[in-house]
C-alpha atoms as a PDB file:
ATOM      1  CA  MET A   1       0.000   0.000   0.000  1.00  0.00           C
ATOM      2  CA  SER A   2       3.022   2.291  -0.079  1.00  0.00           C
ATOM      3  CA  ASP A   3       2.181   3.363  -3.644  1.00  0.00           C
ATOM      4  CA  VAL A   4      -1.053   5.058  -2.512  1.00  0.00           C
ATOM      5  CA  ASP A   5      -0.858   8.810  -3.013  1.00  0.00           C
ATOM      6  CA  ARG A   6      -2.798  10.183  -0.043  1.00  0.00           C
ATOM      7  CA  ASP A   7      -2.110  13.755  -1.191  1.00  0.00           C
ATOM      8  CA  ALA A   8      -3.978  12.954  -4.408  1.00  0.00           C
ATOM      9  CA  PHE A   9      -6.927  11.719  -2.359  1.00  0.00           C
ATOM     10  CA  ARG A  10      -6.957  14.921  -0.300  1.00  0.00           C
ATOM     11  CA  THR A  11      -6.781  16.978  -3.496  1.00  0.00           C
ATOM     12  CA  ILE A  12      -9.721  15.082  -4.981  1.00  0.00           C
ATOM     13  CA  ALA A  13     -11.751  15.580  -1.800  1.00  0.00           C
ATOM     14  CA  ALA A  14     -10.961  19.303  -1.844  1.00  0.00           C
ATOM     15  CA  GLU A  15     -11.370  20.000  -5.573  1.00  0.00           C
ATOM     16  CA  CYS A  16     -13.755  17.464  -7.130  1.00  0.00           C
ATOM     17  CA  PRO A  17     -17.181  19.030  -7.763  1.00  0.00           C
ATOM     18  CA  GLY A  18     -18.807  15.590  -7.644  1.00  0.00           C
ATOM     19  CA  PHE A  19     -17.331  14.883  -4.212  1.00  0.00           C
ATOM     20  CA  GLN A  20     -18.471  18.276  -2.941  1.00  0.00           C
ATOM     21  CA  ALA A  21     -21.895  18.006  -4.597  1.00  0.00           C
ATOM     22  CA  ARG A  22     -22.637  14.746  -2.794  1.00  0.00           C
ATOM     23  CA  ALA A  23     -21.477  16.162   0.551  1.00  0.00           C
ATOM     24  CA  THR A  24     -23.527  19.321  -0.014  1.00  0.00           C
ATOM     25  CA  ALA A  25     -26.601  17.357  -1.087  1.00  0.00           C
ATOM     26  CA  ARG A  26     -26.413  15.249   2.070  1.00  0.00           C
ATOM     27  CA  ALA A  27     -26.091  18.375   4.247  1.00  0.00           C
ATOM     28  CA  ILE A  28     -29.037  20.082   2.545  1.00  0.00           C
ATOM     29  CA  THR A  29     -31.091  16.894   2.819  1.00  0.00           C
ATOM     30  CA  ARG A  30     -30.357  16.649   6.561  1.00  0.00           C
ATOM     31  CA  TYR A  31     -31.332  20.323   6.954  1.00  0.00           C
ATOM     32  CA  HIS A  32     -34.654  19.884   5.138  1.00  0.00           C
ATOM     33  CA  ASN A  33     -35.358  16.547   6.850  1.00  0.00           C
ATOM     34  CA  ALA A  34     -35.092  18.345  10.197  1.00  0.00           C
ATOM     35  CA  CYS A  35     -37.445  21.074   8.962  1.00  0.00           C
ATOM     36  CA  PHE A  36     -40.050  18.617   7.627  1.00  0.00           C
ATOM     37  CA  ARG A  37     -39.790  16.110  10.506  1.00  0.00           C
ATOM     38  CA  PRO A  38     -42.785  17.569  12.426  1.00  0.00           C
ATOM     39  CA  LEU A  39     -44.924  16.846   9.346  1.00  0.00           C
ATOM     40  CA  GLY A  40     -43.738  13.236   9.070  1.00  0.00           C
ATOM     41  CA  LEU A  41     -42.210  14.080   5.710  1.00  0.00           C
ATOM     42  CA  THR A  42     -38.681  13.739   4.342  1.00  0.00           C
ATOM     43  CA  ALA A  43     -36.909  16.071   1.938  1.00  0.00           C
ATOM     44  CA  GLU A  44     -36.963  13.384  -0.750  1.00  0.00           C
ATOM     45  CA  GLN A  45     -40.695  12.799  -0.334  1.00  0.00           C
ATOM     46  CA  PHE A  46     -41.326  16.539  -0.479  1.00  0.00           C
ATOM     47  CA  SER A  47     -39.270  16.831  -3.654  1.00  0.00           C
ATOM     48  CA  LEU A  48     -41.087  13.974  -5.382  1.00  0.00           C
ATOM     49  CA  MET A  49     -44.493  15.261  -4.349  1.00  0.00           C
ATOM     50  CA  VAL A  50     -43.635  18.740  -5.624  1.00  0.00           C
ATOM     51  CA  GLY A  51     -42.584  17.159  -8.931  1.00  0.00           C
ATOM     52  CA  ILE A  52     -45.879  15.289  -9.151  1.00  0.00           C
ATOM     53  CA  GLY A  53     -47.883  18.338  -8.097  1.00  0.00           C
ATOM     54  CA  ALA A  54     -46.157  20.482 -10.713  1.00  0.00           C
ATOM     55  CA  ALA A  55     -47.024  18.017 -13.490  1.00  0.00           C
ATOM     56  CA  GLU A  56     -50.158  16.129 -12.442  1.00  0.00           C
ATOM     57  CA  GLY A  57     -50.477  13.019 -14.579  1.00  0.00           C
ATOM     58  CA  VAL A  58     -46.717  12.728 -15.104  1.00  0.00           C
ATOM     59  CA  THR A  59     -45.539   9.182 -15.717  1.00  0.00           C
ATOM     60  CA  LEU A  60     -43.099   7.470 -13.436  1.00  0.00           C
ATOM     61  CA  VAL A  61     -40.496   7.461 -16.233  1.00  0.00           C
ATOM     62  CA  GLU A  62     -40.961  11.182 -16.910  1.00  0.00           C
ATOM     63  CA  LEU A  63     -40.638  11.978 -13.206  1.00  0.00           C
ATOM     64  CA  ALA A  64     -37.495   9.836 -12.958  1.00  0.00           C
ATOM     65  CA  LEU A  65     -35.909  11.744 -15.842  1.00  0.00           C
ATOM     66  CA  SER A  66     -36.754  15.140 -14.364  1.00  0.00           C
ATOM     67  CA  ALA A  67     -35.642  14.092 -10.860  1.00  0.00           C
ATOM     68  CA  GLY A  68     -32.428  12.529 -12.125  1.00  0.00           C
ATOM     69  CA  VAL A  69     -33.044   9.138 -10.501  1.00  0.00           C
ATOM     70  CA  ASP A  70     -33.398   5.643 -11.910  1.00  0.00           C
ATOM     71  CA  THR A  71     -36.916   4.307 -12.342  1.00  0.00           C
ATOM     72  CA  THR A  72     -36.418   1.342  -9.989  1.00  0.00           C
ATOM     73  CA  THR A  73     -35.478   3.581  -7.076  1.00  0.00           C
ATOM     74  CA  LEU A  74     -38.258   6.013  -7.910  1.00  0.00           C
ATOM     75  CA  SER A  75     -40.790   3.195  -8.182  1.00  0.00           C
ATOM     76  CA  ARG A  76     -40.020   2.088  -4.609  1.00  0.00           C
ATOM     77  CA  ASN A  77     -40.293   5.669  -3.346  1.00  0.00           C
ATOM     78  CA  ILE A  78     -43.601   6.204  -5.138  1.00  0.00           C
ATOM     79  CA  GLN A  79     -44.966   2.970  -3.636  1.00  0.00           C
ATOM     80  CA  ASN A  80     -44.107   4.361  -0.194  1.00  0.00           C
ATOM     81  CA  LEU A  81     -45.962   7.604  -0.997  1.00  0.00           C
ATOM     82  CA  GLU A  82     -48.940   5.549  -2.207  1.00  0.00           C
ATOM     83  CA  LYS A  83     -48.970   3.487   1.009  1.00  0.00           C
ATOM     84  CA  ARG A  84     -49.039   6.712   3.014  1.00  0.00           C
ATOM     85  CA  GLY A  85     -52.008   7.895   0.961  1.00  0.00           C
ATOM     86  CA  TRP A  86     -50.271  10.935  -0.533  1.00  0.00           C
ATOM     87  CA  VAL A  87     -49.890   9.824  -4.162  1.00  0.00           C
ATOM     88  CA  TYR A  88     -52.112   7.899  -6.543  1.00  0.00           C
ATOM     89  CA  ALA A  89     -50.701   5.914  -9.483  1.00  0.00           C
ATOM     90  CA  ASP A  90     -53.169   5.047 -12.213  1.00  0.00           C
ATOM     91  CA  GLY A  91     -53.267   3.704 -15.702  1.00  0.00           C
ATOM     92  CA  GLY A  92     -50.996   1.811 -18.028  1.00  0.00           C
ATOM     93  CA  ARG A  93     -48.897  -1.189 -17.428  1.00  0.00           C
ATOM     94  CA  GLY A  94     -45.420  -0.868 -16.080  1.00  0.00           C
ATOM     95  CA  ARG A  95     -43.451   2.204 -15.161  1.00  0.00           C
ATOM     96  CA  ALA A  96     -43.873   3.993 -18.483  1.00  0.00           C
ATOM     97  CA  GLY A  97     -47.664   3.946 -18.367  1.00  0.00           C
ATOM     98  CA  LYS A  98     -48.444   4.750 -14.749  1.00  0.00           C
ATOM     99  CA  ARG A  99     -49.660   8.306 -14.314  1.00  0.00           C
ATOM    100  CA  LEU A 100     -49.029   9.927 -10.960  1.00  0.00           C
ATOM    101  CA  SER A 101     -51.132  12.440  -9.092  1.00  0.00           C
ATOM    102  CA  LEU A 102     -51.420  13.762  -5.575  1.00  0.00           C
ATOM    103  CA  THR A 103     -54.328  12.614  -3.443  1.00  0.00           C
ATOM    104  CA  ALA A 104     -56.368  15.076  -1.404  1.00  0.00           C
ATOM    105  CA  SER A 105     -54.218  14.075   1.564  1.00  0.00           C
ATOM    106  CA  GLY A 106     -51.072  14.712  -0.509  1.00  0.00           C
ATOM    107  CA  HIS A 107     -52.311  18.172  -1.503  1.00  0.00           C
ATOM    108  CA  HIS A 108     -53.116  18.931   2.131  1.00  0.00           C
ATOM    109  CA  LEU A 109     -49.663  17.803   3.271  1.00  0.00           C
ATOM    110  CA  LEU A 110     -47.945  19.965   0.650  1.00  0.00           C
ATOM    111  CA  ALA A 111     -50.091  22.924   1.699  1.00  0.00           C
ATOM    112  CA  GLU A 112     -48.674  22.430   5.220  1.00  0.00           C
ATOM    113  CA  ALA A 113     -45.138  21.814   3.939  1.00  0.00           C
ATOM    114  CA  LEU A 114     -44.849  24.868   1.665  1.00  0.00           C
ATOM    115  CA  PRO A 115     -44.616  27.428   4.492  1.00  0.00           C
ATOM    116  CA  VAL A 116     -42.027  25.188   6.193  1.00  0.00           C
ATOM    117  CA  TRP A 117     -40.030  25.045   2.945  1.00  0.00           C
ATOM    118  CA  ARG A 118     -40.312  28.821   2.484  1.00  0.00           C
ATOM    119  CA  GLN A 119     -39.039  29.379   6.026  1.00  0.00           C
ATOM    120  CA  ALA A 120     -36.160  26.945   5.426  1.00  0.00           C
ATOM    121  CA  GLN A 121     -35.241  28.798   2.213  1.00  0.00           C
ATOM    122  CA  ALA A 122     -35.408  32.144   3.987  1.00  0.00           C
ATOM    123  CA  GLU A 123     -33.087  30.849   6.697  1.00  0.00           C
ATOM    124  CA  LEU A 124     -30.575  29.534   4.142  1.00  0.00           C
ATOM    125  CA  SER A 125     -30.751  32.884   2.366  1.00  0.00           C
ATOM    126  CA  ARG A 126     -30.186  34.724   5.639  1.00  0.00           C
ATOM    127  CA  ARG A 127     -27.203  32.547   6.546  1.00  0.00           C
ATOM    128  CA  LEU A 128     -25.510  32.604   3.146  1.00  0.00           C
ATOM    129  CA  GLY A 129     -26.910  35.767   1.624  1.00  0.00           C
ATOM    130  CA  ASN A 130     -29.554  35.762  -1.092  1.00  0.00           C
ATOM    131  CA  ASP A 131     -27.166  36.742  -3.896  1.00  0.00           C
ATOM    132  CA  GLN A 132     -24.736  33.980  -2.932  1.00  0.00           C
ATOM    133  CA  LEU A 133     -27.541  31.414  -2.623  1.00  0.00           C
ATOM    134  CA  GLN A 134     -28.812  32.294  -6.111  1.00  0.00           C
ATOM    135  CA  LEU A 135     -25.270  32.172  -7.507  1.00  0.00           C
ATOM    136  CA  VAL A 136     -24.750  28.698  -6.039  1.00  0.00           C
ATOM    137  CA  ARG A 137     -28.074  27.486  -7.449  1.00  0.00           C
ATOM    138  CA  ARG A 138     -27.270  28.798 -10.926  1.00  0.00           C
ATOM    139  CA  ALA A 139     -23.796  27.250 -10.760  1.00  0.00           C
ATOM    140  CA  MET A 140     -25.275  23.863  -9.817  1.00  0.00           C
ATOM    141  CA  VAL A 141     -27.693  24.005 -12.740  1.00  0.00           C
ATOM    142  CA  ALA A 142     -24.886  24.944 -15.140  1.00  0.00           C
ATOM    143  CA  LEU A 143     -22.628  22.197 -13.799  1.00  0.00           C
ATOM    144  CA  ALA A 144     -25.405  19.615 -14.160  1.00  0.00           C
ATOM    145  CA  VAL A 145     -25.903  20.631 -17.795  1.00  0.00           C
ATOM    146  CA  VAL A 146     -22.253  20.348 -18.777  1.00  0.00           C
ATOM    147  CA  ALA A 147     -21.803  17.107 -16.818  1.00  0.00           C
ATOM    148  CA  GLU A 148     -24.525  15.320 -18.781  1.00  0.00           C
ATOM    149  CA  PRO A 149     -23.009  12.843 -21.245  1.00  0.00           C
ATOM    150  CA  SER A 150     -25.372  14.153 -23.921  1.00  0.00           C
ATOM    151  CA  SER A 151     -24.158  17.722 -23.450  1.00  0.00           C
ATOM    152  CA  PRO A 152     -22.410  19.220 -26.490  1.00  0.00           C
ATOM    153  CA  THR A 153     -19.738  20.397 -24.065  1.00  0.00           C
ATOM    154  CA  ALA A 154     -19.173  16.991 -22.429  1.00  0.00           C
ATOM    155  CA  PRO A 155     -15.481  16.119 -22.279  1.00  0.00           C
ATOM    156  CA  GLU A 156     -13.960  13.808 -24.837  1.00  0.00           C
ATOM    157  CA  GLY A 157     -14.236  10.164 -23.930  1.00  0.00           C
ATOM    158  CA  VAL A 158     -17.572  10.561 -22.145  1.00  0.00           C
ATOM    159  CA  GLU A 159     -19.968   8.236 -23.868  1.00  0.00           C
ATOM    160  CA  GLN A 160     -22.828   9.901 -25.716  1.00  0.00           C
ATOM    161  CA  PRO A 161     -26.201   8.159 -25.475  1.00  0.00           C
ATOM    162  CA  VAL A 162     -27.626   6.679 -28.633  1.00  0.00           C
ATOM    163  CA  SER A 163     -30.844   8.356 -29.775  1.00  0.00           C
END
């Protein structure tokens, strides 16, 4: 193990946007989980329900693409939301055909969760500064775009999906 370059590992941890993005995502998730805990809701559930609420009738596959998760993982999470009575899946066979919508209970829960989310956003803005928070958000969006393998600016050697 003497050929292991620990300095390289420290450099990666300090400079790799992917490494930092995962650490940041976990921190933000913990923050929002704490905010939503009194409602019995997690940050991930909130995010999925917002996605469904924004596009009632969205298919599981469409939601997976917009959320950036694989359909198998999403399918399990949606089943959990269905069991809790917050989401209704109807229609076609398989993941591609199921259309998702919020139940009355799901709409009610999101109505309770929105002020909590707004307060959480306001607190993040207060702590970091609104301009800085918006700059970070825009940078994350831009980084996600250029990191996609299908991006025209993807680095050489990154496999392009077949259309």
